[in-house]
Protein backbone atom coordinates (compact mmCIF):
# COMPACT_ATOMS: atom_id res chain seq x y z
CA MET A 1 208.82 34.97 -65.42
CA ILE A 2 210.48 31.91 -64.09
CA SER A 3 209.95 28.81 -66.38
CA PHE A 4 210.75 25.34 -65.42
CA ASP A 5 211.60 22.48 -67.68
CA PRO A 6 208.99 19.75 -67.10
CA ILE A 7 211.77 17.22 -66.04
CA GLU A 8 212.62 19.51 -63.29
CA TRP A 9 209.05 19.06 -61.90
CA ILE A 10 209.68 15.33 -62.03
CA GLY A 11 212.67 15.79 -59.93
CA TYR A 12 210.90 18.08 -57.52
CA SER A 13 208.03 15.95 -57.13
CA ALA A 14 210.29 12.90 -56.47
CA SER A 15 212.09 14.71 -53.71
CA LEU A 16 208.55 15.51 -52.30
CA PHE A 17 207.52 12.03 -52.23
CA ILE A 18 210.71 10.96 -50.47
CA VAL A 19 210.48 13.65 -47.89
CA ILE A 20 206.58 12.74 -47.38
CA SER A 21 207.54 8.94 -47.16
CA LEU A 22 209.80 9.77 -44.22
CA THR A 23 207.05 11.21 -42.15
CA MET A 24 204.97 8.02 -42.32
CA THR A 25 204.63 5.96 -39.02
CA SER A 26 203.49 2.82 -40.96
CA ILE A 27 206.31 0.93 -42.74
CA VAL A 28 204.11 -0.13 -45.61
CA LYS A 29 203.10 3.48 -46.39
CA LEU A 30 206.63 4.58 -46.03
CA ARG A 31 207.85 1.81 -48.62
CA ILE A 32 204.89 2.49 -51.11
CA ILE A 33 205.31 6.17 -51.08
CA ASN A 34 209.08 5.95 -51.02
CA SER A 35 208.90 3.68 -54.13
CA ILE A 36 206.74 6.15 -56.00
CA GLY A 37 209.53 8.91 -55.27
CA CYS A 38 212.21 6.64 -56.39
CA PHE A 39 210.48 5.73 -59.62
CA LEU A 40 210.26 9.44 -60.39
CA PHE A 41 213.93 9.71 -59.68
CA VAL A 42 214.66 6.79 -61.91
CA VAL A 43 212.75 8.65 -64.76
CA TYR A 44 214.58 11.92 -63.73
CA GLY A 45 217.96 10.21 -63.64
CA LEU A 46 217.61 8.55 -67.13
CA TYR A 47 216.33 11.69 -68.76
CA VAL A 48 219.26 13.78 -67.40
CA LYS A 49 221.79 11.07 -67.82
CA ALA A 50 222.44 11.01 -64.21
CA TYR A 51 222.80 7.13 -64.24
CA PRO A 52 223.96 6.73 -60.61
CA VAL A 53 220.75 8.41 -59.43
CA ALA A 54 218.62 6.16 -61.67
CA ILE A 55 220.49 2.79 -60.68
CA SER A 56 220.51 3.65 -57.02
CA ASN A 57 216.84 4.48 -57.12
CA ALA A 58 215.89 1.44 -58.94
CA LEU A 59 217.82 -0.76 -56.50
CA ILE A 60 215.75 0.99 -53.69
CA ILE A 61 212.60 0.08 -55.55
CA ILE A 62 213.61 -3.64 -55.68
CA ILE A 63 214.35 -3.48 -51.97
CA ASN A 64 211.10 -1.78 -51.08
CA ILE A 65 209.32 -4.44 -53.23
CA TYR A 66 211.09 -7.29 -51.55
CA ASN A 67 210.25 -5.98 -48.12
CA LEU A 68 206.66 -5.25 -48.88
CA TYR A 69 206.45 -8.85 -50.28
CA ASN A 70 207.85 -10.12 -46.90
CA ILE A 71 205.48 -7.99 -44.86
CA TYR A 72 202.35 -9.23 -46.93
CA LYS A 73 203.71 -12.89 -46.64
CA LEU A 74 204.00 -12.70 -42.88
CA SER A 75 201.03 -10.77 -42.29
CA TYR A 76 198.65 -12.87 -44.34
CA PHE A 77 199.21 -15.92 -42.18
CA HIS A 78 199.43 -14.03 -38.79
CA ILE A 79 196.36 -14.99 -36.56
CA ASP A 80 195.01 -12.35 -34.31
CA GLN A 81 194.31 -14.12 -31.05
CA LYS A 82 192.02 -11.66 -29.76
CA HIS A 83 189.66 -11.68 -32.72
CA LYS A 84 190.63 -14.87 -34.39
CA LYS A 85 190.95 -13.06 -37.72
CA TYR A 86 193.63 -13.34 -40.25
CA TYR A 87 195.42 -10.01 -40.81
CA ILE A 88 195.85 -8.95 -44.32
CA PHE A 89 198.11 -6.64 -46.17
CA TYR A 90 195.59 -3.83 -46.26
CA TYR A 91 195.22 -3.92 -42.41
CA TYR A 92 198.86 -2.72 -42.14
CA LEU A 93 198.44 -0.20 -45.05
CA PHE A 94 195.39 1.50 -43.32
CA GLN A 95 196.30 0.66 -39.72
CA GLU A 96 196.33 4.47 -38.73
CA TRP A 97 192.84 5.05 -40.20
CA ILE A 98 191.10 2.10 -38.54
């Protein structure tokens, strides 16, 4: 019987989140899902003492948060001329489902 260490499952799930994030057409969804995968890689990297993995993914999380903040800041004040409504962050997050 094949047995996996629980930390291996964290590494596999991190890889899965990264792959799924790259299939997103919405940049907001991509950055959120990618950040989850990067966080799991940080946990994995620290546990197995692969510090370059942990550091690089921590930096990617910071970059994702910075870019999500900029998207939120710009979209919050953007006026839709057709409907005269303010766009908000959640519009961009769920734009494929609206």
